[in-house]
Amino acid sequence: MFPSISLAQEIGLAVLLVAALVWVLGLGHMLWDSRFHHPEPDAYEGLSAIPSQRTATGHPLESVELTPAEQQAFAGLVRSFPQP
């Protein structure tokens, strides 16, 4: 094909051009699909694996009753935080 380059270089050039053509066609197809296929705004329902929070109080197993000594220790810890 080209008299100044070897056969291996010609094959490499052909493979490179085919790969570039496939990439451009794939990119065009991807952009074309994203241009016309928009998901509905209300189609998102959240993650199905994570349940939604039902109330502001939370689940009864997510809270712990503190003893008076623990309450005092927690109050002392809160008082030790620097005030903004």
PDB file of N, CA and C in Angstrom:
ATOM      1  N   MET A   1       0.825  -1.180   0.000  1.00  0.00           N
ATOM      2  CA  MET A   1       0.000   0.000   0.000  1.00  0.00           C
ATOM      3  C   MET A   1       0.881   1.260   0.000  1.00  0.00           C
ATOM      4  N   PHE A   2       1.668   1.455   1.067  1.00  0.00           N
ATOM      5  CA  PHE A   2       2.621   2.563   1.111  1.00  0.00           C
ATOM      6  C   PHE A   2       4.019   1.983   0.879  1.00  0.00           C
ATOM      7  N   PRO A   3       4.773   2.507  -0.051  1.00  0.00           N
ATOM      8  CA  PRO A   3       6.094   1.917  -0.326  1.00  0.00           C
ATOM      9  C   PRO A   3       7.132   2.243   0.741  1.00  0.00           C
ATOM     10  N   SER A   4       6.891   3.254   1.576  1.00  0.00           N
ATOM     11  CA  SER A   4       7.911   3.659   2.533  1.00  0.00           C
ATOM     12  C   SER A   4       7.777   2.980   3.891  1.00  0.00           C
ATOM     13  N   ILE A   5       6.692   2.214   4.155  1.00  0.00           N
ATOM     14  CA  ILE A   5       6.541   1.543   5.451  1.00  0.00           C
ATOM     15  C   ILE A   5       6.441   0.040   5.249  1.00  0.00           C
ATOM     16  N   SER A   6       6.775  -0.699   6.298  1.00  0.00           N
ATOM     17  CA  SER A   6       6.787  -2.157   6.182  1.00  0.00           C
ATOM     18  C   SER A   6       5.365  -2.717   6.291  1.00  0.00           C
ATOM     19  N   LEU A   7       5.259  -4.026   5.995  1.00  0.00           N
ATOM     20  CA  LEU A   7       3.967  -4.698   6.052  1.00  0.00           C
ATOM     21  C   LEU A   7       3.417  -4.698   7.483  1.00  0.00           C
ATOM     22  N   ALA A   8       4.276  -4.892   8.482  1.00  0.00           N
ATOM     23  CA  ALA A   8       3.830  -4.892   9.872  1.00  0.00           C
ATOM     24  C   ALA A   8       3.275  -3.523  10.268  1.00  0.00           C
ATOM     25  N   GLN A   9       3.909  -2.455   9.768  1.00  0.00           N
ATOM     26  CA  GLN A   9       3.407  -1.119  10.067  1.00  0.00           C
ATOM     27  C   GLN A   9       2.074  -0.868   9.373  1.00  0.00           C
ATOM     28  N   GLU A  10       1.906  -1.388   8.173  1.00  0.00           N
ATOM     29  CA  GLU A  10       0.621  -1.253   7.473  1.00  0.00           C
ATOM     30  C   GLU A  10      -0.493  -1.983   8.227  1.00  0.00           C
ATOM     31  N   ILE A  11      -0.179  -3.185   8.711  1.00  0.00           N
ATOM     32  CA  ILE A  11      -1.178  -3.948   9.481  1.00  0.00           C
ATOM     33  C   ILE A  11      -1.509  -3.213  10.774  1.00  0.00           C
ATOM     34  N   GLY A  12      -0.501  -2.690  11.445  1.00  0.00           N
ATOM     35  CA  GLY A  12      -0.735  -1.933  12.668  1.00  0.00           C
ATOM     36  C   GLY A  12      -1.577  -0.699  12.428  1.00  0.00           C
ATOM     37  N   LEU A  13      -1.332  -0.011  11.333  1.00  0.00           N
ATOM     38  CA  LEU A  13      -2.109   1.168  10.983  1.00  0.00           C
ATOM     39  C   LEU A  13      -3.559   0.795  10.695  1.00  0.00           C
ATOM     40  N   ALA A  14      -3.762  -0.312   9.990  1.00  0.00           N
ATOM     41  CA  ALA A  14      -5.128  -0.760   9.689  1.00  0.00           C
ATOM     42  C   ALA A  14      -5.866  -1.126  10.968  1.00  0.00           C
ATOM     43  N   VAL A  15      -5.193  -1.837  11.890  1.00  0.00           N
ATOM     44  CA  VAL A  15      -5.828  -2.207  13.157  1.00  0.00           C
ATOM     45  C   VAL A  15      -6.156  -0.953  13.962  1.00  0.00           C
ATOM     46  N   LEU A  16      -5.271   0.004  13.975  1.00  0.00           N
ATOM     47  CA  LEU A  16      -5.499   1.249  14.701  1.00  0.00           C
ATOM     48  C   LEU A  16      -6.692   2.010  14.117  1.00  0.00           C
ATOM     49  N   LEU A  17      -6.782   2.072  12.797  1.00  0.00           N
ATOM     50  CA  LEU A  17      -7.904   2.764  12.174  1.00  0.00           C
ATOM     51  C   LEU A  17      -9.229   2.069  12.451  1.00  0.00           C
ATOM     52  N   VAL A  18      -9.249   0.739  12.428  1.00  0.00           N
ATOM     53  CA  VAL A  18     -10.478  -0.004  12.726  1.00  0.00           C
ATOM     54  C   VAL A  18     -10.882   0.214  14.180  1.00  0.00           C
ATOM     55  N   ALA A  19      -9.918   0.196  15.091  1.00  0.00           N
ATOM     56  CA  ALA A  19     -10.232   0.427  16.507  1.00  0.00           C
ATOM     57  C   ALA A  19     -10.776   1.844  16.726  1.00  0.00           C
ATOM     58  N   ALA A  20     -10.188   2.826  16.051  1.00  0.00           N
ATOM     59  CA  ALA A  20     -10.671   4.205  16.172  1.00  0.00           C
ATOM     60  C   ALA A  20     -12.079   4.329  15.609  1.00  0.00           C
ATOM     61  N   LEU A  21     -12.351   3.664  14.499  1.00  0.00           N
ATOM     62  CA  LEU A  21     -13.686   3.706  13.912  1.00  0.00           C
ATOM     63  C   LEU A  21     -14.714   3.060  14.836  1.00  0.00           C
ATOM     64  N   VAL A  22     -14.378   1.925  15.415  1.00  0.00           N
ATOM     65  CA  VAL A  22     -15.292   1.256  16.352  1.00  0.00           C
ATOM     66  C   VAL A  22     -15.539   2.137  17.571  1.00  0.00           C
ATOM     67  N   TRP A  23     -14.499   2.796  18.065  1.00  0.00           N
ATOM     68  CA  TRP A  23     -14.649   3.672  19.234  1.00  0.00           C
ATOM     69  C   TRP A  23     -15.559   4.860  18.903  1.00  0.00           C
ATOM     70  N   VAL A  24     -15.368   5.483  17.749  1.00  0.00           N
ATOM     71  CA  VAL A  24     -16.193   6.630  17.363  1.00  0.00           C
ATOM     72  C   VAL A  24     -17.644   6.200  17.172  1.00  0.00           C
ATOM     73  N   LEU A  25     -17.871   5.063  16.554  1.00  0.00           N
ATOM     74  CA  LEU A  25     -19.246   4.578  16.379  1.00  0.00           C
ATOM     75  C   LEU A  25     -19.897   4.253  17.728  1.00  0.00           C
ATOM     76  N   GLY A  26     -19.153   3.641  18.628  1.00  0.00           N
ATOM     77  CA  GLY A  26     -19.700   3.338  19.947  1.00  0.00           C
ATOM     78  C   GLY A  26     -20.009   4.589  20.737  1.00  0.00           C
ATOM     79  N   LEU A  27     -19.126   5.576  20.671  1.00  0.00           N
ATOM     80  CA  LEU A  27     -19.365   6.841  21.361  1.00  0.00           C
ATOM     81  C   LEU A  27     -20.588   7.547  20.788  1.00  0.00           C
ATOM     82  N   GLY A  28     -20.704   7.551  19.471  1.00  0.00           N
ATOM     83  CA  GLY A  28     -21.878   8.164  18.843  1.00  0.00           C
ATOM     84  C   GLY A  28     -23.164   7.466  19.231  1.00  0.00           C
ATOM     85  N   HIS A  29     -23.127   6.148  19.278  1.00  0.00           N
ATOM     86  CA  HIS A  29     -24.315   5.380  19.681  1.00  0.00           C
ATOM     87  C   HIS A  29     -24.691   5.680  21.131  1.00  0.00           C
ATOM     88  N   MET A  30     -23.692   5.751  22.004  1.00  0.00           N
ATOM     89  CA  MET A  30     -23.945   6.028  23.410  1.00  0.00           C
ATOM     90  C   MET A  30     -24.533   7.432  23.586  1.00  0.00           C
ATOM     91  N   LEU A  31     -23.978   8.417  22.890  1.00  0.00           N
ATOM     92  CA  LEU A  31     -24.492   9.787  22.989  1.00  0.00           C
ATOM     93  C   LEU A  31     -25.886   9.898  22.388  1.00  0.00           C
ATOM     94  N   TRP A  32     -26.139   9.196  21.309  1.00  0.00           N
ATOM     95  CA  TRP A  32     -27.451   9.223  20.682  1.00  0.00           C
ATOM     96  C   TRP A  32     -28.502   8.636  21.626  1.00  0.00           C
ATOM     97  N   ASP A  33     -28.187   7.532  22.280  1.00  0.00           N
ATOM     98  CA  ASP A  33     -29.135   6.916  23.209  1.00  0.00           C
ATOM     99  C   ASP A  33     -29.389   7.802  24.415  1.00  0.00           C
ATOM    100  N   SER A  34     -28.351   8.432  24.943  1.00  0.00           N
ATOM    101  CA  SER A  34     -28.545   9.264  26.130  1.00  0.00           C
ATOM    102  C   SER A  34     -29.287  10.546  25.792  1.00  0.00           C
ATOM    103  N   ARG A  35     -29.283  10.933  24.531  1.00  0.00           N
ATOM    104  CA  ARG A  35     -29.974  12.161  24.144  1.00  0.00           C
ATOM    105  C   ARG A  35     -31.483  11.975  24.123  1.00  0.00           C
ATOM    106  N   PHE A  36     -31.952  10.806  23.767  1.00  0.00           N
ATOM    107  CA  PHE A  36     -33.379  10.592  23.578  1.00  0.00           C
ATOM    108  C   PHE A  36     -34.037   9.724  24.640  1.00  0.00           C
ATOM    109  N   HIS A  37     -33.275   9.069  25.481  1.00  0.00           N
ATOM    110  CA  HIS A  37     -33.855   8.198  26.497  1.00  0.00           C
ATOM    111  C   HIS A  37     -33.575   8.753  27.880  1.00  0.00           C
ATOM    112  N   HIS A  38     -34.476   9.579  28.370  1.00  0.00           N
ATOM    113  CA  HIS A  38     -34.324  10.148  29.707  1.00  0.00           C
ATOM    114  C   HIS A  38     -35.238   9.388  30.665  1.00  0.00           C
ATOM    115  N   PRO A  39     -34.738   9.005  31.842  1.00  0.00           N
ATOM    116  CA  PRO A  39     -35.612   8.317  32.799  1.00  0.00           C
ATOM    117  C   PRO A  39     -36.671   9.278  33.335  1.00  0.00           C
ATOM    118  N   GLU A  40     -37.799   8.723  33.692  1.00  0.00           N
ATOM    119  CA  GLU A  40     -38.873   9.526  34.272  1.00  0.00           C
ATOM    120  C   GLU A  40     -38.432  10.068  35.622  1.00  0.00           C
ATOM    121  N   PRO A  41     -38.810  11.285  35.982  1.00  0.00           N
ATOM    122  CA  PRO A  41     -38.384  11.846  37.272  1.00  0.00           C
ATOM    123  C   PRO A  41     -38.881  11.055  38.472  1.00  0.00           C
ATOM    124  N   ASP A  42     -40.059  10.458  38.376  1.00  0.00           N
ATOM    125  CA  ASP A  42     -40.592   9.715  39.515  1.00  0.00           C
ATOM    126  C   ASP A  42     -40.264   8.227  39.448  1.00  0.00           C
ATOM    127  N   ALA A  43     -39.413   7.817  38.513  1.00  0.00           N
ATOM    128  CA  ALA A  43     -39.080   6.398  38.372  1.00  0.00           C
ATOM    129  C   ALA A  43     -38.143   5.922  39.470  1.00  0.00           C
ATOM    130  N   TYR A  44     -37.385   6.838  40.102  1.00  0.00           N
ATOM    131  CA  TYR A  44     -36.439   6.439  41.137  1.00  0.00           C
ATOM    132  C   TYR A  44     -37.180   6.206  42.446  1.00  0.00           C
ATOM    133  N   GLU A  45     -37.030   5.020  42.999  1.00  0.00           N
ATOM    134  CA  GLU A  45     -37.699   4.682  44.247  1.00  0.00           C
ATOM    135  C   GLU A  45     -36.730   4.450  45.379  1.00  0.00           C
ATOM    136  N   GLY A  46     -35.453   4.717  45.189  1.00  0.00           N
ATOM    137  CA  GLY A  46     -34.466   4.499  46.233  1.00  0.00           C
ATOM    138  C   GLY A  46     -33.891   3.097  46.155  1.00  0.00           C
ATOM    139  N   LEU A  47     -33.011   2.815  47.068  1.00  0.00           N
ATOM    140  CA  LEU A  47     -32.389   1.502  47.111  1.00  0.00           C
ATOM    141  C   LEU A  47     -33.339   0.501  47.746  1.00  0.00           C
ATOM    142  N   SER A  48     -33.498  -0.637  47.115  1.00  0.00           N
ATOM    143  CA  SER A  48     -34.421  -1.630  47.649  1.00  0.00           C
ATOM    144  C   SER A  48     -33.811  -2.381  48.828  1.00  0.00           C
ATOM    145  N   ALA A  49     -32.487  -2.353  48.976  1.00  0.00           N
ATOM    146  CA  ALA A  49     -31.833  -3.086  50.056  1.00  0.00           C
ATOM    147  C   ALA A  49     -31.865  -2.314  51.371  1.00  0.00           C
ATOM    148  N   ILE A  50     -32.072  -1.000  51.313  1.00  0.00           N
ATOM    149  CA  ILE A  50     -32.090  -0.177  52.520  1.00  0.00           C
ATOM    150  C   ILE A  50     -33.512   0.288  52.756  1.00  0.00           C
ATOM    151  N   PRO A  51     -34.149  -0.141  53.828  1.00  0.00           N
ATOM    152  CA  PRO A  51     -35.525   0.282  54.063  1.00  0.00           C
ATOM    153  C   PRO A  51     -35.583   1.758  54.446  1.00  0.00           C
ATOM    154  N   SER A  52     -36.689   2.394  54.117  1.00  0.00           N
ATOM    155  CA  SER A  52     -36.841   3.799  54.456  1.00  0.00           C
ATOM    156  C   SER A  52     -37.145   3.947  55.945  1.00  0.00           C
ATOM    157  N   GLN A  53     -36.811   5.113  56.489  1.00  0.00           N
ATOM    158  CA  GLN A  53     -37.060   5.374  57.904  1.00  0.00           C
ATOM    159  C   GLN A  53     -38.547   5.654  58.087  1.00  0.00           C
ATOM    160  N   ARG A  54     -39.162   4.970  59.031  1.00  0.00           N
ATOM    161  CA  ARG A  54     -40.604   5.087  59.212  1.00  0.00           C
ATOM    162  C   ARG A  54     -40.986   6.251  60.117  1.00  0.00           C
ATOM    163  N   THR A  55     -40.288   6.434  61.199  1.00  0.00           N
ATOM    164  CA  THR A  55     -40.623   7.504  62.129  1.00  0.00           C
ATOM    165  C   THR A  55     -39.352   8.204  62.573  1.00  0.00           C
ATOM    166  N   ALA A  56     -39.527   9.332  63.251  1.00  0.00           N
ATOM    167  CA  ALA A  56     -38.373  10.081  63.724  1.00  0.00           C
ATOM    168  C   ALA A  56     -37.733   9.407  64.937  1.00  0.00           C
ATOM    169  N   THR A  57     -38.474   8.585  65.656  1.00  0.00           N
ATOM    170  CA  THR A  57     -37.933   7.953  66.855  1.00  0.00           C
ATOM    171  C   THR A  57     -37.035   6.779  66.528  1.00  0.00           C
ATOM    172  N   GLY A  58     -37.232   6.149  65.389  1.00  0.00           N
ATOM    173  CA  GLY A  58     -36.384   5.019  65.025  1.00  0.00           C
ATOM    174  C   GLY A  58     -36.922   3.708  65.568  1.00  0.00           C
ATOM    175  N   HIS A  59     -36.189   2.670  65.318  1.00  0.00           N
ATOM    176  CA  HIS A  59     -36.559   1.325  65.737  1.00  0.00           C
ATOM    177  C   HIS A  59     -36.271   1.170  67.228  1.00  0.00           C
ATOM    178  N   PRO A  60     -37.096   0.412  67.973  1.00  0.00           N
ATOM    179  CA  PRO A  60     -36.855   0.256  69.405  1.00  0.00           C
ATOM    180  C   PRO A  60     -35.519  -0.401  69.738  1.00  0.00           C
ATOM    181  N   LEU A  61     -34.981  -1.206  68.842  1.00  0.00           N
ATOM    182  CA  LEU A  61     -33.693  -1.844  69.104  1.00  0.00           C
ATOM    183  C   LEU A  61     -32.518  -0.898  68.850  1.00  0.00           C
ATOM    184  N   GLU A  62     -32.792   0.299  68.320  1.00  0.00           N
ATOM    185  CA  GLU A  62     -31.730   1.247  68.045  1.00  0.00           C
ATOM    186  C   GLU A  62     -31.507   2.228  69.188  1.00  0.00           C
ATOM    187  N   SER A  63     -32.176   2.042  70.287  1.00  0.00           N
ATOM    188  CA  SER A  63     -31.990   2.934  71.437  1.00  0.00           C
ATOM    189  C   SER A  63     -31.623   2.105  72.671  1.00  0.00           C
ATOM    190  N   VAL A  64     -30.912   2.752  73.600  1.00  0.00           N
ATOM    191  CA  VAL A  64     -30.436   2.068  74.800  1.00  0.00           C
ATOM    192  C   VAL A  64     -30.774   2.944  76.004  1.00  0.00           C
ATOM    193  N   GLU A  65     -31.292   2.329  77.053  1.00  0.00           N
ATOM    194  CA  GLU A  65     -31.536   3.050  78.299  1.00  0.00           C
ATOM    195  C   GLU A  65     -30.227   3.139  79.075  1.00  0.00           C
ATOM    196  N   LEU A  66     -29.879   4.352  79.517  1.00  0.00           N
ATOM    197  CA  LEU A  66     -28.642   4.545  80.266  1.00  0.00           C
ATOM    198  C   LEU A  66     -28.921   4.534  81.754  1.00  0.00           C
ATOM    199  N   THR A  67     -27.971   4.017  82.499  1.00  0.00           N
ATOM    200  CA  THR A  67     -28.061   4.074  83.960  1.00  0.00           C
ATOM    201  C   THR A  67     -27.743   5.508  84.397  1.00  0.00           C
ATOM    202  N   PRO A  68     -28.108   5.892  85.635  1.00  0.00           N
ATOM    203  CA  PRO A  68     -27.794   7.250  86.101  1.00  0.00           C
ATOM    204  C   PRO A  68     -26.298   7.562  86.049  1.00  0.00           C
ATOM    205  N   ALA A  69     -25.436   6.593  86.341  1.00  0.00           N
ATOM    206  CA  ALA A  69     -23.992   6.827  86.273  1.00  0.00           C
ATOM    207  C   ALA A  69     -23.569   7.091  84.828  1.00  0.00           C
ATOM    208  N   GLU A  70     -24.136   6.358  83.878  1.00  0.00           N
ATOM    209  CA  GLU A  70     -23.819   6.576  82.473  1.00  0.00           C
ATOM    210  C   GLU A  70     -24.328   7.932  81.996  1.00  0.00           C
ATOM    211  N   GLN A  71     -25.503   8.325  82.476  1.00  0.00           N
ATOM    212  CA  GLN A  71     -26.039   9.636  82.118  1.00  0.00           C
ATOM    213  C   GLN A  71     -25.133  10.752  82.628  1.00  0.00           C
ATOM    214  N   GLN A  72     -24.631  10.625  83.853  1.00  0.00           N
ATOM    215  CA  GLN A  72     -23.736  11.633  84.410  1.00  0.00           C
ATOM    216  C   GLN A  72     -22.412  11.676  83.632  1.00  0.00           C
ATOM    217  N   ALA A  73     -21.903  10.498  83.282  1.00  0.00           N
ATOM    218  CA  ALA A  73     -20.658  10.448  82.517  1.00  0.00           C
ATOM    219  C   ALA A  73     -20.850  11.083  81.139  1.00  0.00           C
ATOM    220  N   PHE A  74     -21.984  10.831  80.525  1.00  0.00           N
ATOM    221  CA  PHE A  74     -22.259  11.422  79.218  1.00  0.00           C
ATOM    222  C   PHE A  74     -22.410  12.933  79.331  1.00  0.00           C
ATOM    223  N   ALA A  75     -23.089  13.395  80.367  1.00  0.00           N
ATOM    224  CA  ALA A  75     -23.246  14.836  80.570  1.00  0.00           C
ATOM    225  C   ALA A  75     -21.879  15.492  80.784  1.00  0.00           C
ATOM    226  N   GLY A  76     -20.996  14.863  81.544  1.00  0.00           N
ATOM    227  CA  GLY A  76     -19.646  15.402  81.728  1.00  0.00           C
ATOM    228  C   GLY A  76     -18.871  15.435  80.424  1.00  0.00           C
ATOM    229  N   LEU A  77     -19.052  14.422  79.601  1.00  0.00           N
ATOM    230  CA  LEU A  77     -18.381  14.381  78.301  1.00  0.00           C
ATOM    231  C   LEU A  77     -18.881  15.513  77.389  1.00  0.00           C
ATOM    232  N   VAL A  78     -20.185  15.733  77.405  1.00  0.00           N
ATOM    233  CA  VAL A  78     -20.733  16.802  76.586  1.00  0.00           C
ATOM    234  C   VAL A  78     -20.251  18.158  77.061  1.00  0.00           C
ATOM    235  N   ARG A  79     -20.160  18.342  78.374  1.00  0.00           N
ATOM    236  CA  ARG A  79     -19.668  19.612  78.913  1.00  0.00           C
ATOM    237  C   ARG A  79     -18.202  19.851  78.571  1.00  0.00           C
ATOM    238  N   SER A  80     -17.437  18.788  78.329  1.00  0.00           N
ATOM    239  CA  SER A  80     -16.016  18.959  78.009  1.00  0.00           C
ATOM    240  C   SER A  80     -15.782  19.402  76.576  1.00  0.00           C
ATOM    241  N   PHE A  81     -16.807  19.340  75.706  1.00  0.00           N
ATOM    242  CA  PHE A  81     -16.651  19.792  74.329  1.00  0.00           C
ATOM    243  C   PHE A  81     -16.482  21.302  74.320  1.00  0.00           C
ATOM    244  N   PRO A  82     -15.609  21.817  73.482  1.00  0.00           N
ATOM    245  CA  PRO A  82     -15.459  23.277  73.395  1.00  0.00           C
ATOM    246  C   PRO A  82     -16.697  23.912  72.786  1.00  0.00           C
ATOM    247  N   GLN A  83     -17.108  25.043  73.312  1.00  0.00           N
ATOM    248  CA  GLN A  83     -18.288  25.739  72.806  1.00  0.00           C
ATOM    249  C   GLN A  83     -17.879  26.586  71.598  1.00  0.00           C
ATOM    250  N   PRO A  84     -18.722  26.607  70.562  1.00  0.00           N
ATOM    251  CA  PRO A  84     -18.370  27.380  69.343  1.00  0.00           C
ATOM    252  C   PRO A  84     -18.458  28.868  69.533  1.00  0.00           C
TER     253      PRO A  84
END
